[in-house]
């Protein structure tokens, strides 16, 4: 099916907030999806200038994927 389904993002390994830029995100099975988001992490949670993040991708409460990235703090 080529029907779009809603997705949400959750920080898996650190407390913080993910704020989506623009419309709520959707995805289509087996297709690449792009978008923009902001990640807010309380300064006291950042132990180093670079922090590895694991972001879970969920649809209807079920984890469907995971992304890994590095957060560079503005220190």
PDB file of N, CA and C in Angstrom:
ATOM      1  N   UNK A   1       0.836  -1.191   0.000  1.00  0.00           N
ATOM      2  CA  UNK A   1       0.000   0.000   0.000  1.00  0.00           C
ATOM      3  C   UNK A   1       0.876   1.249   0.000  1.00  0.00           C
ATOM      4  N   UNK A   2       0.397   2.306  -0.604  1.00  0.00           N
ATOM      5  CA  UNK A   2       1.153   3.557  -0.655  1.00  0.00           C
ATOM      6  C   UNK A   2       0.517   4.620   0.229  1.00  0.00           C
ATOM      7  N   UNK A   3      -0.257   4.178   1.190  1.00  0.00           N
ATOM      8  CA  UNK A   3      -0.934   5.101   2.083  1.00  0.00           C
ATOM      9  C   UNK A   3       0.023   5.599   3.167  1.00  0.00           C
ATOM     10  N   UNK A   4       0.018   6.916   3.405  1.00  0.00           N
ATOM     11  CA  UNK A   4       0.873   7.503   4.435  1.00  0.00           C
ATOM     12  C   UNK A   4       0.313   7.179   5.819  1.00  0.00           C
ATOM     13  N   UNK A   5       1.226   6.944   6.767  1.00  0.00           N
ATOM     14  CA  UNK A   5       0.814   6.686   8.145  1.00  0.00           C
ATOM     15  C   UNK A   5       1.578   7.626   9.070  1.00  0.00           C
ATOM     16  N   UNK A   6       0.978   7.998  10.215  1.00  0.00           N
ATOM     17  CA  UNK A   6       1.624   8.940  11.129  1.00  0.00           C
ATOM     18  C   UNK A   6       2.812   8.300  11.845  1.00  0.00           C
ATOM     19  N   UNK A   7       3.828   9.112  12.108  1.00  0.00           N
ATOM     20  CA  UNK A   7       4.979   8.651  12.886  1.00  0.00           C
ATOM     21  C   UNK A   7       5.287   9.680  13.972  1.00  0.00           C
ATOM     22  N   UNK A   8       5.937   9.216  15.021  1.00  0.00           N
ATOM     23  CA  UNK A   8       6.416  10.106  16.073  1.00  0.00           C
ATOM     24  C   UNK A   8       7.828   9.693  16.446  1.00  0.00           C
ATOM     25  N   UNK A   9       8.560  10.628  17.031  1.00  0.00           N
ATOM     26  CA  UNK A   9       9.949  10.396  17.398  1.00  0.00           C
ATOM     27  C   UNK A   9      10.097  10.526  18.905  1.00  0.00           C
ATOM     28  N   UNK A  10      10.918   9.640  19.477  1.00  0.00           N
ATOM     29  CA  UNK A  10      11.167   9.664  20.925  1.00  0.00           C
ATOM     30  C   UNK A  10      12.661   9.505  21.175  1.00  0.00           C
ATOM     31  N   UNK A  11      13.181  10.310  22.101  1.00  0.00           N
ATOM     32  CA  UNK A  11      14.564  10.125  22.533  1.00  0.00           C
ATOM     33  C   UNK A  11      14.622   8.867  23.379  1.00  0.00           C
ATOM     34  N   UNK A  12      15.512   7.963  23.035  1.00  0.00           N
ATOM     35  CA  UNK A  12      15.573   6.657  23.702  1.00  0.00           C
ATOM     36  C   UNK A  12      16.598   6.614  24.842  1.00  0.00           C
ATOM     37  N   UNK A  13      17.645   7.413  24.763  1.00  0.00           N
ATOM     38  CA  UNK A  13      18.740   7.238  25.715  1.00  0.00           C
ATOM     39  C   UNK A  13      19.029   8.462  26.584  1.00  0.00           C
ATOM     40  N   UNK A  14      18.194   9.499  26.490  1.00  0.00           N
ATOM     41  CA  UNK A  14      18.409  10.695  27.299  1.00  0.00           C
ATOM     42  C   UNK A  14      17.075  11.430  27.420  1.00  0.00           C
ATOM     43  N   UNK A  15      16.882  12.142  28.526  1.00  0.00           N
ATOM     44  CA  UNK A  15      15.662  12.935  28.684  1.00  0.00           C
ATOM     45  C   UNK A  15      15.773  14.213  27.870  1.00  0.00           C
ATOM     46  N   UNK A  16      14.717  14.546  27.191  1.00  0.00           N
ATOM     47  CA  UNK A  16      14.678  15.756  26.384  1.00  0.00           C
ATOM     48  C   UNK A  16      13.391  15.796  25.591  1.00  0.00           C
ATOM     49  N   UNK A  17      13.280  16.806  24.725  1.00  0.00           N
ATOM     50  CA  UNK A  17      12.073  16.972  23.921  1.00  0.00           C
ATOM     51  C   UNK A  17      12.444  17.043  22.446  1.00  0.00           C
ATOM     52  N   UNK A  18      11.570  16.481  21.623  1.00  0.00           N
ATOM     53  CA  UNK A  18      11.699  16.602  20.175  1.00  0.00           C
ATOM     54  C   UNK A  18      10.536  17.452  19.700  1.00  0.00           C
ATOM     55  N   UNK A  19      10.855  18.529  18.981  1.00  0.00           N
ATOM     56  CA  UNK A  19       9.822  19.408  18.432  1.00  0.00           C
ATOM     57  C   UNK A  19       9.901  19.349  16.914  1.00  0.00           C
ATOM     58  N   UNK A  20       8.787  19.018  16.298  1.00  0.00           N
ATOM     59  CA  UNK A  20       8.704  18.884  14.846  1.00  0.00           C
ATOM     60  C   UNK A  20       8.542  20.264  14.216  1.00  0.00           C
ATOM     61  N   UNK A  21       9.239  20.494  13.106  1.00  0.00           N
ATOM     62  CA  UNK A  21       9.094  21.720  12.331  1.00  0.00           C
ATOM     63  C   UNK A  21       8.092  21.438  11.215  1.00  0.00           C
ATOM     64  N   UNK A  22       7.041  22.225  11.147  1.00  0.00           N
ATOM     65  CA  UNK A  22       6.055  22.041  10.082  1.00  0.00           C
ATOM     66  C   UNK A  22       4.944  21.082  10.462  1.00  0.00           C
ATOM     67  N   UNK A  23       4.396  20.430   9.443  1.00  0.00           N
ATOM     68  CA  UNK A  23       3.263  19.521   9.625  1.00  0.00           C
ATOM     69  C   UNK A  23       3.665  18.269  10.399  1.00  0.00           C
ATOM     70  N   UNK A  24       2.693  17.624  11.058  1.00  0.00           N
ATOM     71  CA  UNK A  24       2.994  16.351  11.733  1.00  0.00           C
ATOM     72  C   UNK A  24       3.579  15.350  10.732  1.00  0.00           C
ATOM     73  N   UNK A  25       4.610  14.611  11.146  1.00  0.00           N
ATOM     74  CA  UNK A  25       5.286  13.711  10.200  1.00  0.00           C
ATOM     75  C   UNK A  25       4.451  12.486   9.834  1.00  0.00           C
ATOM     76  N   UNK A  26       4.591  12.090   8.581  1.00  0.00           N
ATOM     77  CA  UNK A  26       3.991  10.852   8.089  1.00  0.00           C
ATOM     78  C   UNK A  26       5.042  10.113   7.271  1.00  0.00           C
ATOM     79  N   UNK A  27       4.810   8.851   7.028  1.00  0.00           N
ATOM     80  CA  UNK A  27       5.736   8.035   6.237  1.00  0.00           C
ATOM     81  C   UNK A  27       4.928   7.107   5.344  1.00  0.00           C
ATOM     82  N   UNK A  28       5.594   6.618   4.307  1.00  0.00           N
ATOM     83  CA  UNK A  28       5.018   5.617   3.413  1.00  0.00           C
ATOM     84  C   UNK A  28       5.955   4.422   3.432  1.00  0.00           C
ATOM     85  N   UNK A  29       5.405   3.227   3.605  1.00  0.00           N
ATOM     86  CA  UNK A  29       6.203   2.009   3.717  1.00  0.00           C
ATOM     87  C   UNK A  29       7.215   1.903   2.578  1.00  0.00           C
ATOM     88  N   UNK A  30       8.466   1.581   2.950  1.00  0.00           N
ATOM     89  CA  UNK A  30       9.578   1.357   2.024  1.00  0.00           C
ATOM     90  C   UNK A  30       9.973   2.593   1.220  1.00  0.00           C
ATOM     91  N   UNK A  31       9.606   3.790   1.692  1.00  0.00           N
ATOM     92  CA  UNK A  31      10.034   5.016   1.036  1.00  0.00           C
ATOM     93  C   UNK A  31      10.789   5.884   2.027  1.00  0.00           C
ATOM     94  N   UNK A  32      11.725   6.657   1.506  1.00  0.00           N
ATOM     95  CA  UNK A  32      12.494   7.583   2.325  1.00  0.00           C
ATOM     96  C   UNK A  32      11.629   8.796   2.652  1.00  0.00           C
ATOM     97  N   UNK A  33      11.706   9.236   3.901  1.00  0.00           N
ATOM     98  CA  UNK A  33      10.953  10.400   4.351  1.00  0.00           C
ATOM     99  C   UNK A  33      11.922  11.396   4.950  1.00  0.00           C
ATOM    100  N   UNK A  34      11.742  12.663   4.637  1.00  0.00           N
ATOM    101  CA  UNK A  34      12.609  13.708   5.170  1.00  0.00           C
ATOM    102  C   UNK A  34      11.783  14.735   5.922  1.00  0.00           C
ATOM    103  N   UNK A  35      12.426  15.416   6.850  1.00  0.00           N
ATOM    104  CA  UNK A  35      11.770  16.462   7.609  1.00  0.00           C
ATOM    105  C   UNK A  35      12.776  17.135   8.514  1.00  0.00           C
ATOM    106  N   UNK A  36      12.304  18.074   9.300  1.00  0.00           N
ATOM    107  CA  UNK A  36      13.179  18.802  10.217  1.00  0.00           C
ATOM    108  C   UNK A  36      12.583  18.761  11.617  1.00  0.00           C
ATOM    109  N   UNK A  37      13.473  18.752  12.601  1.00  0.00           N
ATOM    110  CA  UNK A  37      13.032  18.769  13.988  1.00  0.00           C
ATOM    111  C   UNK A  37      14.088  19.441  14.847  1.00  0.00           C
ATOM    112  N   UNK A  38      13.661  19.892  16.004  1.00  0.00           N
ATOM    113  CA  UNK A  38      14.560  20.444  17.011  1.00  0.00           C
ATOM    114  C   UNK A  38      14.605  19.468  18.172  1.00  0.00           C
ATOM    115  N   UNK A  39      15.788  19.322  18.753  1.00  0.00           N
ATOM    116  CA  UNK A  39      15.947  18.490  19.941  1.00  0.00           C
ATOM    117  C   UNK A  39      16.391  19.399  21.077  1.00  0.00           C
ATOM    118  N   UNK A  40      15.635  19.392  22.164  1.00  0.00           N
ATOM    119  CA  UNK A  40      15.967  20.183  23.344  1.00  0.00           C
ATOM    120  C   UNK A  40      16.363  19.241  24.471  1.00  0.00           C
ATOM    121  N   UNK A  41      17.558  19.468  25.010  1.00  0.00           N
ATOM    122  CA  UNK A  41      18.067  18.645  26.108  1.00  0.00           C
ATOM    123  C   UNK A  41      18.487  19.585  27.232  1.00  0.00           C
ATOM    124  N   UNK A  42      18.032  19.342  28.464  1.00  0.00           N
ATOM    125  CA  UNK A  42      18.439  20.195  29.579  1.00  0.00           C
ATOM    126  C   UNK A  42      19.969  20.193  29.718  1.00  0.00           C
ATOM    127  N   UNK A  43      20.573  21.368  29.940  1.00  0.00           N
ATOM    128  CA  UNK A  43      22.039  21.455  30.036  1.00  0.00           C
ATOM    129  C   UNK A  43      22.651  20.495  31.047  1.00  0.00           C
ATOM    130  N   UNK A  44      21.956  20.236  32.154  1.00  0.00           N
ATOM    131  CA  UNK A  44      22.517  19.346  33.180  1.00  0.00           C
ATOM    132  C   UNK A  44      22.599  17.897  32.714  1.00  0.00           C
ATOM    133  N   UNK A  45      21.895  17.551  31.642  1.00  0.00           N
ATOM    134  CA  UNK A  45      21.951  16.187  31.092  1.00  0.00           C
ATOM    135  C   UNK A  45      23.125  16.000  30.135  1.00  0.00           C
ATOM    136  N   UNK A  46      23.729  17.098  29.716  1.00  0.00           N
ATOM    137  CA  UNK A  46      24.834  17.030  28.759  1.00  0.00           C
ATOM    138  C   UNK A  46      26.156  16.975  29.510  1.00  0.00           C
ATOM    139  N   UNK A  47      26.804  15.833  29.453  1.00  0.00           N
ATOM    140  CA  UNK A  47      28.064  15.647  30.167  1.00  0.00           C
ATOM    141  C   UNK A  47      29.265  16.052  29.309  1.00  0.00           C
ATOM    142  N   UNK A  48      29.102  16.017  27.999  1.00  0.00           N
ATOM    143  CA  UNK A  48      30.180  16.342  27.063  1.00  0.00           C
ATOM    144  C   UNK A  48      29.650  17.295  26.001  1.00  0.00           C
ATOM    145  N   UNK A  49      30.563  17.875  25.234  1.00  0.00           N
ATOM    146  CA  UNK A  49      30.164  18.754  24.134  1.00  0.00           C
ATOM    147  C   UNK A  49      29.425  17.964  23.055  1.00  0.00           C
ATOM    148  N   UNK A  50      29.796  16.696  22.861  1.00  0.00           N
ATOM    149  CA  UNK A  50      29.130  15.832  21.888  1.00  0.00           C
ATOM    150  C   UNK A  50      28.418  14.708  22.642  1.00  0.00           C
ATOM    151  N   UNK A  51      27.146  14.507  22.336  1.00  0.00           N
ATOM    152  CA  UNK A  51      26.355  13.463  22.980  1.00  0.00           C
ATOM    153  C   UNK A  51      25.688  12.605  21.913  1.00  0.00           C
ATOM    154  N   UNK A  52      25.913  11.307  21.978  1.00  0.00           N
ATOM    155  CA  UNK A  52      25.263  10.396  21.025  1.00  0.00           C
ATOM    156  C   UNK A  52      23.794  10.238  21.405  1.00  0.00           C
ATOM    157  N   UNK A  53      22.925  10.322  20.402  1.00  0.00           N
ATOM    158  CA  UNK A  53      21.489  10.189  20.624  1.00  0.00           C
ATOM    159  C   UNK A  53      20.933   9.006  19.851  1.00  0.00           C
ATOM    160  N   UNK A  54      19.978   8.334  20.466  1.00  0.00           N
ATOM    161  CA  UNK A  54      19.216   7.271  19.819  1.00  0.00           C
ATOM    162  C   UNK A  54      17.771   7.765  19.762  1.00  0.00           C
ATOM    163  N   UNK A  55      17.236   7.858  18.563  1.00  0.00           N
ATOM    164  CA  UNK A  55      15.883   8.361  18.363  1.00  0.00           C
ATOM    165  C   UNK A  55      15.013   7.229  17.835  1.00  0.00           C
ATOM    166  N   UNK A  56      14.010   6.862  18.611  1.00  0.00           N
ATOM    167  CA  UNK A  56      13.076   5.827  18.184  1.00  0.00           C
ATOM    168  C   UNK A  56      12.007   6.422  17.282  1.00  0.00           C
ATOM    169  N   UNK A  57      11.660   5.687  16.237  1.00  0.00           N
ATOM    170  CA  UNK A  57      10.591   6.092  15.323  1.00  0.00           C
ATOM    171  C   UNK A  57       9.405   5.161  15.585  1.00  0.00           C
ATOM    172  N   UNK A  58       8.263   5.740  15.922  1.00  0.00           N
ATOM    173  CA  UNK A  58       7.084   4.968  16.314  1.00  0.00           C
ATOM    174  C   UNK A  58       5.889   5.298  15.427  1.00  0.00           C
ATOM    175  N   UNK A  59       5.046   4.310  15.235  1.00  0.00           N
ATOM    176  CA  UNK A  59       3.764   4.516  14.571  1.00  0.00           C
ATOM    177  C   UNK A  59       2.712   3.720  15.332  1.00  0.00           C
ATOM    178  N   UNK A  60       1.658   4.394  15.713  1.00  0.00           N
ATOM    179  CA  UNK A  60       0.583   3.763  16.493  1.00  0.00           C
ATOM    180  C   UNK A  60       1.114   3.052  17.737  1.00  0.00           C
ATOM    181  N   UNK A  61       2.093   3.672  18.407  1.00  0.00           N
ATOM    182  CA  UNK A  61       2.645   3.129  19.638  1.00  0.00           C
ATOM    183  C   UNK A  61       3.658   2.019  19.472  1.00  0.00           C
ATOM    184  N   UNK A  62       3.931   1.600  18.233  1.00  0.00           N
ATOM    185  CA  UNK A  62       4.871   0.504  17.975  1.00  0.00           C
ATOM    186  C   UNK A  62       6.155   1.057  17.349  1.00  0.00           C
ATOM    187  N   UNK A  63       7.302   0.625  17.899  1.00  0.00           N
ATOM    188  CA  UNK A  63       8.584   1.068  17.357  1.00  0.00           C
ATOM    189  C   UNK A  63       8.813   0.420  15.996  1.00  0.00           C
ATOM    190  N   UNK A  64       9.060   1.260  14.979  1.00  0.00           N
ATOM    191  CA  UNK A  64       9.252   0.740  13.625  1.00  0.00           C
ATOM    192  C   UNK A  64      10.662   0.971  13.097  1.00  0.00           C
ATOM    193  N   UNK A  65      11.433   1.842  13.765  1.00  0.00           N
ATOM    194  CA  UNK A  65      12.798   2.113  13.306  1.00  0.00           C
ATOM    195  C   UNK A  65      13.528   2.882  14.392  1.00  0.00           C
ATOM    196  N   UNK A  66      14.823   3.060  14.185  1.00  0.00           N
ATOM    197  CA  UNK A  66      15.639   3.846  15.106  1.00  0.00           C
ATOM    198  C   UNK A  66      16.703   4.574  14.311  1.00  0.00           C
ATOM    199  N   UNK A  67      16.973   5.810  14.711  1.00  0.00           N
ATOM    200  CA  UNK A  67      18.034   6.594  14.082  1.00  0.00           C
ATOM    201  C   UNK A  67      19.053   6.953  15.155  1.00  0.00           C
ATOM    202  N   UNK A  68      20.299   7.069  14.742  1.00  0.00           N
ATOM    203  CA  UNK A  68      21.366   7.481  15.652  1.00  0.00           C
ATOM    204  C   UNK A  68      22.011   8.731  15.078  1.00  0.00           C
ATOM    205  N   UNK A  69      22.321   9.673  15.975  1.00  0.00           N
ATOM    206  CA  UNK A  69      22.966  10.910  15.553  1.00  0.00           C
ATOM    207  C   UNK A  69      23.793  11.440  16.719  1.00  0.00           C
ATOM    208  N   UNK A  70      24.510  12.514  16.495  1.00  0.00           N
ATOM    209  CA  UNK A  70      25.298  13.149  17.544  1.00  0.00           C
ATOM    210  C   UNK A  70      24.781  14.555  17.759  1.00  0.00           C
ATOM    211  N   UNK A  71      24.525  14.905  19.018  1.00  0.00           N
ATOM    212  CA  UNK A  71      24.063  16.234  19.405  1.00  0.00           C
ATOM    213  C   UNK A  71      25.285  17.031  19.839  1.00  0.00           C
ATOM    214  N   UNK A  72      25.496  18.191  19.218  1.00  0.00           N
ATOM    215  CA  UNK A  72      26.592  19.078  19.592  1.00  0.00           C
ATOM    216  C   UNK A  72      26.023  20.199  20.441  1.00  0.00           C
ATOM    217  N   UNK A  73      26.449  20.276  21.708  1.00  0.00           N
ATOM    218  CA  UNK A  73      25.910  21.300  22.604  1.00  0.00           C
ATOM    219  C   UNK A  73      26.565  22.648  22.308  1.00  0.00           C
ATOM    220  N   UNK A  74      25.846  23.737  22.592  1.00  0.00           N
ATOM    221  CA  UNK A  74      26.357  25.076  22.279  1.00  0.00           C
ATOM    222  C   UNK A  74      27.287  25.650  23.343  1.00  0.00           C
ATOM    223  N   UNK A  75      28.001  24.815  24.058  1.00  0.00           N
ATOM    224  CA  UNK A  75      28.885  25.282  25.133  1.00  0.00           C
ATOM    225  C   UNK A  75      30.109  25.952  24.569  1.00  0.00           C
TER     226      UNK A  75
END
